All heavy atoms as atom14 arrays in JSON, in Angstrom:
{
  "sequence": "APKSAHHKLQLLMRFASDHESATIPDPYYGNQQGFEQVLDYIEDACN",
  "atom14_mask": [
    [1, 1, 1, 1, 1, 0, 0, 0, 0, 0, 0, 0, 0, 0],
    [1, 1, 1, 1, 1, 1, 1, 0, 0, 0, 0, 0, 0, 0],
    [1, 1, 1, 1, 1, 1, 1, 1, 1, 0, 0, 0, 0, 0],
    [1, 1, 1, 1, 1, 1, 0, 0, 0, 0, 0, 0, 0, 0],
    [1, 1, 1, 1, 1, 0, 0, 0, 0, 0, 0, 0, 0, 0],
    [1, 1, 1, 1, 1, 1, 1, 1, 1, 1, 0, 0, 0, 0],
    [1, 1, 1, 1, 1, 1, 1, 1, 1, 1, 0, 0, 0, 0],
    [1, 1, 1, 1, 1, 1, 1, 1, 1, 0, 0, 0, 0, 0],
    [1, 1, 1, 1, 1, 1, 1, 1, 0, 0, 0, 0, 0, 0],
    [1, 1, 1, 1, 1, 1, 1, 1, 1, 0, 0, 0, 0, 0],
    [1, 1, 1, 1, 1, 1, 1, 1, 0, 0, 0, 0, 0, 0],
    [1, 1, 1, 1, 1, 1, 1, 1, 0, 0, 0, 0, 0, 0],
    [1, 1, 1, 1, 1, 1, 1, 1, 0, 0, 0, 0, 0, 0],
    [1, 1, 1, 1, 1, 1, 1, 1, 1, 1, 1, 0, 0, 0],
    [1, 1, 1, 1, 1, 1, 1, 1, 1, 1, 1, 0, 0, 0],
    [1, 1, 1, 1, 1, 0, 0, 0, 0, 0, 0, 0, 0, 0],
    [1, 1, 1, 1, 1, 1, 0, 0, 0, 0, 0, 0, 0, 0],
    [1, 1, 1, 1, 1, 1, 1, 1, 0, 0, 0, 0, 0, 0],
    [1, 1, 1, 1, 1, 1, 1, 1, 1, 1, 0, 0, 0, 0],
    [1, 1, 1, 1, 1, 1, 1, 1, 1, 0, 0, 0, 0, 0],
    [1, 1, 1, 1, 1, 1, 0, 0, 0, 0, 0, 0, 0, 0],
    [1, 1, 1, 1, 1, 0, 0, 0, 0, 0, 0, 0, 0, 0],
    [1, 1, 1, 1, 1, 1, 1, 0, 0, 0, 0, 0, 0, 0],
    [1, 1, 1, 1, 1, 1, 1, 1, 0, 0, 0, 0, 0, 0],
    [1, 1, 1, 1, 1, 1, 1, 0, 0, 0, 0, 0, 0, 0],
    [1, 1, 1, 1, 1, 1, 1, 1, 0, 0, 0, 0, 0, 0],
    [1, 1, 1, 1, 1, 1, 1, 0, 0, 0, 0, 0, 0, 0],
    [1, 1, 1, 1, 1, 1, 1, 1, 1, 1, 1, 1, 0, 0],
    [1, 1, 1, 1, 1, 1, 1, 1, 1, 1, 1, 1, 0, 0],
    [1, 1, 1, 1, 0, 0, 0, 0, 0, 0, 0, 0, 0, 0],
    [1, 1, 1, 1, 1, 1, 1, 1, 0, 0, 0, 0, 0, 0],
    [1, 1, 1, 1, 1, 1, 1, 1, 1, 0, 0, 0, 0, 0],
    [1, 1, 1, 1, 1, 1, 1, 1, 1, 0, 0, 0, 0, 0],
    [1, 1, 1, 1, 0, 0, 0, 0, 0, 0, 0, 0, 0, 0],
    [1, 1, 1, 1, 1, 1, 1, 1, 1, 1, 1, 0, 0, 0],
    [1, 1, 1, 1, 1, 1, 1, 1, 1, 0, 0, 0, 0, 0],
    [1, 1, 1, 1, 1, 1, 1, 1, 1, 0, 0, 0, 0, 0],
    [1, 1, 1, 1, 1, 1, 1, 0, 0, 0, 0, 0, 0, 0],
    [1, 1, 1, 1, 1, 1, 1, 1, 0, 0, 0, 0, 0, 0],
    [1, 1, 1, 1, 1, 1, 1, 1, 0, 0, 0, 0, 0, 0],
    [1, 1, 1, 1, 1, 1, 1, 1, 1, 1, 1, 1, 0, 0],
    [1, 1, 1, 1, 1, 1, 1, 1, 0, 0, 0, 0, 0, 0],
    [1, 1, 1, 1, 1, 1, 1, 1, 1, 0, 0, 0, 0, 0],
    [1, 1, 1, 1, 1, 1, 1, 1, 0, 0, 0, 0, 0, 0],
    [1, 1, 1, 1, 1, 0, 0, 0, 0, 0, 0, 0, 0, 0],
    [1, 1, 1, 1, 1, 1, 0, 0, 0, 0, 0, 0, 0, 0],
    [1, 1, 1, 1, 1, 1, 1, 1, 0, 0, 0, 0, 0, 0]
  ],
  "atom14_positions": [
    [[-25.5, 6.47, -4.86], [-26.47, 6.86, -3.83], [-27.21, 8.14, -4.2], [-26.61, 9.06, -4.77], [-25.77, 7.06, -2.49], [0.0, 0.0, 0.0], [0.0, 0.0, 0.0], [0.0, 0.0, 0.0], [0.0, 0.0, 0.0], [0.0, 0.0, 0.0], [0.0, 0.0, 0.0], [0.0, 0.0, 0.0], [0.0, 0.0, 0.0], [0.0, 0.0, 0.0]],
    [[-28.49, 8.21, -3.84], [-29.17, 9.5, -3.99], [-28.55, 10.51, -3.02], [-27.99, 10.11, -1.98], [-30.62, 9.18, -3.61], [-30.56, 7.92, -2.82], [-29.34, 7.18, -3.26], [0.0, 0.0, 0.0], [0.0, 0.0, 0.0], [0.0, 0.0, 0.0], [0.0, 0.0, 0.0], [0.0, 0.0, 0.0], [0.0, 0.0, 0.0], [0.0, 0.0, 0.0]],
    [[-28.6, 11.76, -3.36], [-28.0, 12.82, -2.52], [-28.49, 12.73, -1.08], [-27.75, 12.98, -0.14], [-28.3, 14.2, -3.09], [-27.63, 14.48, -4.41], [-26.24, 15.01, -4.2], [-25.62, 15.46, -5.51], [-24.57, 14.59, -5.98], [0.0, 0.0, 0.0], [0.0, 0.0, 0.0], [0.0, 0.0, 0.0], [0.0, 0.0, 0.0], [0.0, 0.0, 0.0]],
    [[-29.73, 12.32, -0.91], [-30.32, 12.25, 0.43], [-29.67, 11.19, 1.31], [-29.86, 11.18, 2.52], [-31.82, 11.99, 0.33], [-32.04, 10.74, -0.33], [0.0, 0.0, 0.0], [0.0, 0.0, 0.0], [0.0, 0.0, 0.0], [0.0, 0.0, 0.0], [0.0, 0.0, 0.0], [0.0, 0.0, 0.0], [0.0, 0.0, 0.0], [0.0, 0.0, 0.0]],
    [[-28.87, 10.29, 0.7], [-28.22, 9.22, 1.47], [-26.72, 9.43, 1.64], [-26.05, 8.63, 2.29], [-28.47, 7.88, 0.81], [0.0, 0.0, 0.0], [0.0, 0.0, 0.0], [0.0, 0.0, 0.0], [0.0, 0.0, 0.0], [0.0, 0.0, 0.0], [0.0, 0.0, 0.0], [0.0, 0.0, 0.0], [0.0, 0.0, 0.0], [0.0, 0.0, 0.0]],
    [[-26.18, 10.51, 1.1], [-24.72, 10.71, 1.15], [-24.19, 10.8, 2.58], [-23.05, 10.4, 2.83], [-24.32, 11.94, 0.33], [-24.19, 11.63, -1.13], [-23.23, 12.17, -1.93], [-24.91, 10.79, -1.93], [-23.36, 11.7, -3.16], [-24.39, 10.88, -3.18], [0.0, 0.0, 0.0], [0.0, 0.0, 0.0], [0.0, 0.0, 0.0], [0.0, 0.0, 0.0]],
    [[-24.99, 11.27, 3.5], [-24.54, 11.38, 4.9], [-24.33, 10.01, 5.55], [-23.66, 9.9, 6.57], [-25.54, 12.2, 5.72], [-26.85, 11.51, 5.93], [-27.81, 11.42, 4.94], [-27.35, 10.84, 6.99], [-28.85, 10.74, 5.4], [-28.6, 10.38, 6.64], [0.0, 0.0, 0.0], [0.0, 0.0, 0.0], [0.0, 0.0, 0.0], [0.0, 0.0, 0.0]],
    [[-24.85, 8.96, 4.94], [-24.71, 7.61, 5.48], [-23.4, 6.94, 5.06], [-23.03, 5.91, 5.61], [-25.87, 6.73, 4.99], [-27.24, 7.21, 5.41], [-28.32, 6.33, 4.84], [-29.7, 6.77, 5.29], [-30.74, 5.83, 4.83], [0.0, 0.0, 0.0], [0.0, 0.0, 0.0], [0.0, 0.0, 0.0], [0.0, 0.0, 0.0], [0.0, 0.0, 0.0]],
    [[-22.72, 7.49, 4.07], [-21.54, 6.87, 3.47], [-20.27, 7.3, 4.19], [-20.01, 8.49, 4.33], [-21.45, 7.26, 1.98], [-22.7, 7.04, 1.14], [-22.49, 7.57, -0.27], [-23.11, 5.58, 1.13], [0.0, 0.0, 0.0], [0.0, 0.0, 0.0], [0.0, 0.0, 0.0], [0.0, 0.0, 0.0], [0.0, 0.0, 0.0], [0.0, 0.0, 0.0]],
    [[-19.48, 6.32, 4.6], [-18.21, 6.59, 5.3], [-17.24, 5.44, 5.03], [-17.65, 4.38, 4.58], [-18.43, 6.68, 6.81], [-19.39, 7.74, 7.26], [-19.58, 7.68, 8.76], [-18.65, 7.87, 9.52], [-20.8, 7.41, 9.2], [0.0, 0.0, 0.0], [0.0, 0.0, 0.0], [0.0, 0.0, 0.0], [0.0, 0.0, 0.0], [0.0, 0.0, 0.0]],
    [[-15.99, 5.66, 5.39], [-15.0, 4.58, 5.37], [-15.07, 3.86, 6.71], [-15.14, 4.5, 7.77], [-13.59, 5.14, 5.17], [-13.27, 5.7, 3.79], [-11.93, 6.43, 3.83], [-13.23, 4.6, 2.74], [0.0, 0.0, 0.0], [0.0, 0.0, 0.0], [0.0, 0.0, 0.0], [0.0, 0.0, 0.0], [0.0, 0.0, 0.0], [0.0, 0.0, 0.0]],
    [[-15.0, 2.54, 6.7], [-15.02, 1.76, 7.94], [-13.85, 2.15, 8.84], [-14.01, 2.25, 10.06], [-14.99, 0.25, 7.64], [-14.86, -0.68, 8.84], [-15.98, -0.47, 9.85], [-14.79, -2.12, 8.4], [0.0, 0.0, 0.0], [0.0, 0.0, 0.0], [0.0, 0.0, 0.0], [0.0, 0.0, 0.0], [0.0, 0.0, 0.0], [0.0, 0.0, 0.0]],
    [[-12.68, 2.37, 8.26], [-11.49, 2.65, 9.08], [-11.58, 3.96, 9.86], [-10.77, 4.21, 10.74], [-10.22, 2.63, 8.22], [-9.75, 1.22, 7.88], [-9.41, 0.16, 9.32], [-7.85, 0.87, 9.88], [0.0, 0.0, 0.0], [0.0, 0.0, 0.0], [0.0, 0.0, 0.0], [0.0, 0.0, 0.0], [0.0, 0.0, 0.0], [0.0, 0.0, 0.0]],
    [[-12.59, 4.75, 9.59], [-12.84, 5.96, 10.37], [-13.03, 5.63, 11.86], [-12.78, 6.44, 12.73], [-14.08, 6.64, 9.8], [-14.58, 7.79, 10.58], [-15.81, 8.39, 9.9], [-16.17, 9.59, 10.62], [-16.98, 9.6, 11.67], [-17.52, 8.5, 12.1], [-17.26, 10.73, 12.29], [0.0, 0.0, 0.0], [0.0, 0.0, 0.0], [0.0, 0.0, 0.0]],
    [[-13.45, 4.4, 12.14], [-13.74, 3.98, 13.51], [-12.57, 3.27, 14.19], [-12.67, 2.89, 15.35], [-14.98, 3.07, 13.52], [-16.2, 3.76, 12.99], [-16.57, 3.61, 11.67], [-16.95, 4.59, 13.8], [-17.69, 4.27, 11.16], [-18.06, 5.26, 13.31], [-18.43, 5.11, 11.98], [0.0, 0.0, 0.0], [0.0, 0.0, 0.0], [0.0, 0.0, 0.0]],
    [[-11.46, 3.09, 13.47], [-10.29, 2.39, 14.02], [-9.52, 3.3, 14.97], [-9.49, 4.51, 14.8], [-9.38, 1.93, 12.89], [0.0, 0.0, 0.0], [0.0, 0.0, 0.0], [0.0, 0.0, 0.0], [0.0, 0.0, 0.0], [0.0, 0.0, 0.0], [0.0, 0.0, 0.0], [0.0, 0.0, 0.0], [0.0, 0.0, 0.0], [0.0, 0.0, 0.0]],
    [[-8.87, 2.68, 15.96], [-8.05, 3.46, 16.87], [-6.62, 2.95, 16.95], [-5.72, 3.69, 17.34], [-8.68, 3.47, 18.27], [-8.8, 2.16, 18.75], [0.0, 0.0, 0.0], [0.0, 0.0, 0.0], [0.0, 0.0, 0.0], [0.0, 0.0, 0.0], [0.0, 0.0, 0.0], [0.0, 0.0, 0.0], [0.0, 0.0, 0.0], [0.0, 0.0, 0.0]],
    [[-6.37, 1.71, 16.57], [-5.03, 1.13, 16.68], [-4.23, 1.15, 15.39], [-3.02, 0.94, 15.42], [-5.11, -0.33, 17.15], [-5.67, -0.45, 18.56], [-5.57, 0.53, 19.32], [-6.21, -1.52, 18.89], [0.0, 0.0, 0.0], [0.0, 0.0, 0.0], [0.0, 0.0, 0.0], [0.0, 0.0, 0.0], [0.0, 0.0, 0.0], [0.0, 0.0, 0.0]],
    [[-4.9, 1.37, 14.26], [-4.21, 1.37, 12.97], [-4.38, 2.72, 12.28], [-5.46, 3.3, 12.31], [-4.75, 0.25, 12.07], [-4.47, -1.11, 12.62], [-5.32, -1.75, 13.48], [-3.42, -1.95, 12.43], [-4.81, -2.93, 13.81], [-3.66, -3.07, 13.19], [0.0, 0.0, 0.0], [0.0, 0.0, 0.0], [0.0, 0.0, 0.0], [0.0, 0.0, 0.0]],
    [[-3.32, 3.19, 11.65], [-3.31, 4.51, 11.02], [-3.94, 4.52, 9.63], [-4.29, 5.57, 9.12], [-1.86, 5.02, 10.91], [-1.19, 5.25, 12.24], [-1.78, 6.44, 13.0], [-2.07, 7.47, 12.35], [-1.95, 6.33, 14.22], [0.0, 0.0, 0.0], [0.0, 0.0, 0.0], [0.0, 0.0, 0.0], [0.0, 0.0, 0.0], [0.0, 0.0, 0.0]],
    [[-4.07, 3.39, 8.98], [-4.55, 3.33, 7.6], [-5.97, 3.91, 7.49], [-6.82, 3.65, 8.33], [-4.56, 1.88, 7.12], [-5.05, 1.8, 5.8], [0.0, 0.0, 0.0], [0.0, 0.0, 0.0], [0.0, 0.0, 0.0], [0.0, 0.0, 0.0], [0.0, 0.0, 0.0], [0.0, 0.0, 0.0], [0.0, 0.0, 0.0], [0.0, 0.0, 0.0]],
    [[-6.2, 4.67, 6.42], [-7.53, 5.22, 6.17], [-8.44, 4.19, 5.51], [-9.66, 4.32, 5.57], [-7.44, 6.46, 5.29], [0.0, 0.0, 0.0], [0.0, 0.0, 0.0], [0.0, 0.0, 0.0], [0.0, 0.0, 0.0], [0.0, 0.0, 0.0], [0.0, 0.0, 0.0], [0.0, 0.0, 0.0], [0.0, 0.0, 0.0], [0.0, 0.0, 0.0]],
    [[-7.82, 3.18, 4.89], [-8.61, 2.2, 4.16], [-8.17, 0.78, 4.5], [-7.12, 0.56, 5.09], [-8.46, 2.4, 2.63], [-7.1, 2.18, 2.27], [-8.91, 3.78, 2.21], [0.0, 0.0, 0.0], [0.0, 0.0, 0.0], [0.0, 0.0, 0.0], [0.0, 0.0, 0.0], [0.0, 0.0, 0.0], [0.0, 0.0, 0.0], [0.0, 0.0, 0.0]],
    [[-9.0, -0.16, 4.09], [-8.69, -1.58, 4.26], [-8.32, -2.11, 2.88], [-9.17, -2.14, 1.98], [-9.89, -2.34, 4.85], [-10.22, -1.78, 6.24], [-9.59, -3.84, 4.92], [-11.49, -2.32, 6.86], [0.0, 0.0, 0.0], [0.0, 0.0, 0.0], [0.0, 0.0, 0.0], [0.0, 0.0, 0.0], [0.0, 0.0, 0.0], [0.0, 0.0, 0.0]],
    [[-7.07, -2.52, 2.68], [-6.62, -2.94, 1.34], [-7.29, -4.24, 0.89], [-7.64, -5.08, 1.71], [-5.11, -3.13, 1.52], [-4.92, -3.4, 2.97], [-6.01, -2.64, 3.69], [0.0, 0.0, 0.0], [0.0, 0.0, 0.0], [0.0, 0.0, 0.0], [0.0, 0.0, 0.0], [0.0, 0.0, 0.0], [0.0, 0.0, 0.0], [0.0, 0.0, 0.0]],
    [[-7.47, -4.36, -0.42], [-8.08, -5.55, -0.98], [-7.06, -6.69, -0.97], [-6.03, -6.6, -1.64], [-8.54, -5.27, -2.42], [-9.4, -6.39, -2.98], [-9.42, -7.5, -2.4], [-10.04, -6.16, -4.02], [0.0, 0.0, 0.0], [0.0, 0.0, 0.0], [0.0, 0.0, 0.0], [0.0, 0.0, 0.0], [0.0, 0.0, 0.0], [0.0, 0.0, 0.0]],
    [[-7.34, -7.78, -0.25], [-6.36, -8.88, -0.16], [-6.49, -9.92, -1.28], [-5.69, -10.85, -1.36], [-6.73, -9.53, 1.17], [-8.23, -9.39, 1.23], [-8.5, -8.03, 0.61], [0.0, 0.0, 0.0], [0.0, 0.0, 0.0], [0.0, 0.0, 0.0], [0.0, 0.0, 0.0], [0.0, 0.0, 0.0], [0.0, 0.0, 0.0], [0.0, 0.0, 0.0]],
    [[-7.46, -9.76, -2.16], [-7.83, -10.79, -3.13], [-6.65, -11.31, -3.96], [-6.51, -12.51, -4.14], [-8.95, -10.29, -4.05], [-9.51, -11.35, -4.95], [-10.36, -12.33, -4.46], [-9.18, -11.39, -6.31], [-10.88, -13.31, -5.28], [-9.7, -12.37, -7.14], [-10.55, -13.33, -6.62], [-11.06, -14.29, -7.44], [0.0, 0.0, 0.0], [0.0, 0.0, 0.0]],
    [[-5.82, -10.41, -4.45], [-4.71, -10.83, -5.32], [-3.41, -11.03, -4.57], [-2.37, -11.26, -5.16], [-4.51, -9.81, -6.45], [-5.69, -9.78, -7.4], [-6.59, -8.73, -7.37], [-5.92, -10.83, -8.27], [-7.69, -8.7, -8.22], [-7.02, -10.82, -9.13], [-7.89, -9.75, -9.09], [-8.97, -9.75, -9.92], [0.0, 0.0, 0.0], [0.0, 0.0, 0.0]],
    [[-3.47, -10.98, -3.24], [-2.27, -11.14, -2.44], [-2.17, -12.5, -1.78], [-2.79, -13.48, -2.22], [0.0, 0.0, 0.0], [0.0, 0.0, 0.0], [0.0, 0.0, 0.0], [0.0, 0.0, 0.0], [0.0, 0.0, 0.0], [0.0, 0.0, 0.0], [0.0, 0.0, 0.0], [0.0, 0.0, 0.0], [0.0, 0.0, 0.0], [0.0, 0.0, 0.0]],
    [[-1.4, -12.53, -0.7], [-1.17, -13.8, 0.01], [-1.96, -13.84, 1.31], [-2.71, -12.91, 1.64], [0.33, -13.98, 0.27], [0.91, -12.85, 1.09], [0.21, -12.16, 1.83], [2.21, -12.65, 0.97], [0.0, 0.0, 0.0], [0.0, 0.0, 0.0], [0.0, 0.0, 0.0], [0.0, 0.0, 0.0], [0.0, 0.0, 0.0], [0.0, 0.0, 0.0]],
    [[-1.76, -14.9, 2.08], [-2.49, -15.1, 3.35], [-2.25, -13.95, 4.32], [-3.14, -13.56, 5.06], [-2.08, -16.43, 3.97], [-2.84, -16.78, 5.23], [-4.35, -16.87, 5.02], [-4.82, -17.35, 4.01], [-5.1, -16.38, 5.99], [0.0, 0.0, 0.0], [0.0, 0.0, 0.0], [0.0, 0.0, 0.0], [0.0, 0.0, 0.0], [0.0, 0.0, 0.0]],
    [[-1.03, -13.42, 4.33], [-0.71, -12.31, 5.24], [-1.63, -11.11, 5.0], [-2.01, -10.42, 5.93], [0.77, -11.9, 5.1], [1.18, -10.75, 6.0], [0.89, -10.99, 7.47], [1.03, -12.1, 7.97], [0.47, -9.95, 8.18], [0.0, 0.0, 0.0], [0.0, 0.0, 0.0], [0.0, 0.0, 0.0], [0.0, 0.0, 0.0], [0.0, 0.0, 0.0]],
    [[-2.01, -10.9, 3.75], [-2.93, -9.8, 3.43], [-4.28, -9.98, 4.1], [-4.87, -9.02, 4.59], [0.0, 0.0, 0.0], [0.0, 0.0, 0.0], [0.0, 0.0, 0.0], [0.0, 0.0, 0.0], [0.0, 0.0, 0.0], [0.0, 0.0, 0.0], [0.0, 0.0, 0.0], [0.0, 0.0, 0.0], [0.0, 0.0, 0.0], [0.0, 0.0, 0.0]],
    [[-4.77, -11.21, 4.14], [-6.05, -11.48, 4.8], [-5.93, -11.29, 6.31], [-6.86, -10.8, 6.95], [-6.53, -12.9, 4.46], [-7.11, -13.0, 3.08], [-6.3, -13.24, 1.98], [-8.47, -12.84, 2.87], [-6.82, -13.33, 0.71], [-9.02, -12.92, 1.59], [-8.18, -13.17, 0.51], [0.0, 0.0, 0.0], [0.0, 0.0, 0.0], [0.0, 0.0, 0.0]],
    [[-4.79, -11.67, 6.88], [-4.56, -11.46, 8.33], [-4.58, -9.96, 8.65], [-5.2, -9.53, 9.62], [-3.23, -12.08, 8.76], [-3.13, -13.58, 8.58], [-3.95, -14.38, 9.57], [-4.35, -13.84, 10.62], [-4.2, -15.57, 9.29], [0.0, 0.0, 0.0], [0.0, 0.0, 0.0], [0.0, 0.0, 0.0], [0.0, 0.0, 0.0], [0.0, 0.0, 0.0]],
    [[-3.88, -9.17, 7.82], [-3.84, -7.73, 8.03], [-5.23, -7.12, 7.91], [-5.63, -6.28, 8.72], [-2.9, -7.07, 7.03], [-2.82, -5.56, 7.19], [-2.04, -4.9, 6.08], [-2.24, -5.18, 4.9], [-1.12, -4.02, 6.46], [0.0, 0.0, 0.0], [0.0, 0.0, 0.0], [0.0, 0.0, 0.0], [0.0, 0.0, 0.0], [0.0, 0.0, 0.0]],
    [[-5.98, -7.55, 6.9], [-7.34, -7.06, 6.71], [-8.18, -7.35, 7.94], [-8.91, -6.48, 8.43], [-7.97, -7.68, 5.43], [-9.48, -7.57, 5.43], [-7.37, -7.02, 4.19], [0.0, 0.0, 0.0], [0.0, 0.0, 0.0], [0.0, 0.0, 0.0], [0.0, 0.0, 0.0], [0.0, 0.0, 0.0], [0.0, 0.0, 0.0], [0.0, 0.0, 0.0]],
    [[-8.07, -8.55, 8.49], [-8.86, -8.89, 9.68], [-8.41, -8.07, 10.89], [-9.24, -7.66, 11.7], [-8.79, -10.39, 9.96], [-9.81, -10.92, 10.97], [-11.23, -10.48, 10.65], [-9.73, -12.43, 11.05], [0.0, 0.0, 0.0], [0.0, 0.0, 0.0], [0.0, 0.0, 0.0], [0.0, 0.0, 0.0], [0.0, 0.0, 0.0], [0.0, 0.0, 0.0]],
    [[-7.12, -7.79, 11.0], [-6.64, -6.9, 12.07], [-7.33, -5.54, 11.97], [-7.82, -4.99, 12.97], [-5.12, -6.69, 11.99], [-4.32, -7.92, 12.35], [-4.86, -8.85, 12.98], [-3.11, -7.94, 11.99], [0.0, 0.0, 0.0], [0.0, 0.0, 0.0], [0.0, 0.0, 0.0], [0.0, 0.0, 0.0], [0.0, 0.0, 0.0], [0.0, 0.0, 0.0]],
    [[-7.34, -4.97, 10.77], [-7.96, -3.66, 10.55], [-9.46, -3.7, 10.85], [-10.0, -2.81, 11.48], [-7.76, -3.2, 9.11], [-6.37, -2.75, 8.74], [-5.3, -2.83, 9.63], [-6.1, -2.22, 7.49], [-4.02, -2.41, 9.27], [-4.83, -1.79, 7.12], [-3.8, -1.89, 8.02], [-2.56, -1.45, 7.65], [0.0, 0.0, 0.0], [0.0, 0.0, 0.0]],
    [[-10.12, -4.76, 10.36], [-11.56, -4.88, 10.55], [-11.91, -5.0, 12.04], [-12.83, -4.34, 12.52], [-12.12, -6.08, 9.74], [-12.13, -5.74, 8.25], [-13.5, -6.49, 10.24], [-12.44, -6.91, 7.35], [0.0, 0.0, 0.0], [0.0, 0.0, 0.0], [0.0, 0.0, 0.0], [0.0, 0.0, 0.0], [0.0, 0.0, 0.0], [0.0, 0.0, 0.0]],
    [[-11.18, -5.83, 12.77], [-11.45, -5.97, 14.21], [-11.28, -4.64, 14.93], [-12.09, -4.27, 15.78], [-10.56, -7.03, 14.83], [-10.95, -8.44, 14.45], [-10.02, -9.51, 15.0], [-8.81, -9.25, 15.2], [-10.5, -10.64, 15.21], [0.0, 0.0, 0.0], [0.0, 0.0, 0.0], [0.0, 0.0, 0.0], [0.0, 0.0, 0.0], [0.0, 0.0, 0.0]],
    [[-10.23, -3.9, 14.59], [-9.97, -2.61, 15.19], [-11.13, -1.65, 14.9], [-11.71, -1.05, 15.82], [-8.64, -2.05, 14.65], [-8.28, -0.69, 15.2], [-8.84, -0.26, 16.23], [-7.41, -0.04, 14.59], [0.0, 0.0, 0.0], [0.0, 0.0, 0.0], [0.0, 0.0, 0.0], [0.0, 0.0, 0.0], [0.0, 0.0, 0.0], [0.0, 0.0, 0.0]],
    [[-11.49, -1.51, 13.63], [-12.55, -0.59, 13.25], [-13.9, -1.01, 13.83], [-14.68, -0.16, 14.28], [-12.63, -0.48, 11.73], [0.0, 0.0, 0.0], [0.0, 0.0, 0.0], [0.0, 0.0, 0.0], [0.0, 0.0, 0.0], [0.0, 0.0, 0.0], [0.0, 0.0, 0.0], [0.0, 0.0, 0.0], [0.0, 0.0, 0.0], [0.0, 0.0, 0.0]],
    [[-14.17, -2.29, 13.84], [-15.45, -2.77, 14.38], [-15.55, -2.53, 15.89], [-16.65, -2.3, 16.4], [-15.68, -4.23, 14.03], [-16.2, -4.47, 12.31], [0.0, 0.0, 0.0], [0.0, 0.0, 0.0], [0.0, 0.0, 0.0], [0.0, 0.0, 0.0], [0.0, 0.0, 0.0], [0.0, 0.0, 0.0], [0.0, 0.0, 0.0], [0.0, 0.0, 0.0]],
    [[-14.44, -2.58, 16.61], [-14.47, -2.23, 18.03], [-14.93, -0.79, 18.22], [-15.76, -0.51, 19.09], [-13.1, -2.44, 18.68], [-12.88, -3.87, 19.11], [-13.77, -4.5, 19.65], [-11.69, -4.38, 18.86], [0.0, 0.0, 0.0], [0.0, 0.0, 0.0], [0.0, 0.0, 0.0], [0.0, 0.0, 0.0], [0.0, 0.0, 0.0], [0.0, 0.0, 0.0]]
  ]
}
C-alpha cells in the first residue's frame, strides 16, 4: 500500500467481541473443524 492508504489497513478480528484471537487462522491445510472455527470468528468480527 502507498503510505497514504496505511490508515485503511486493519485486522478483521479487531471488530470481534466474543473471540479473543487477534487473527483468523488459515484453514486451507486443516480439516473441516478449521473451517467451522474460521466462520465462527468471521461472524463475530462481521457483527
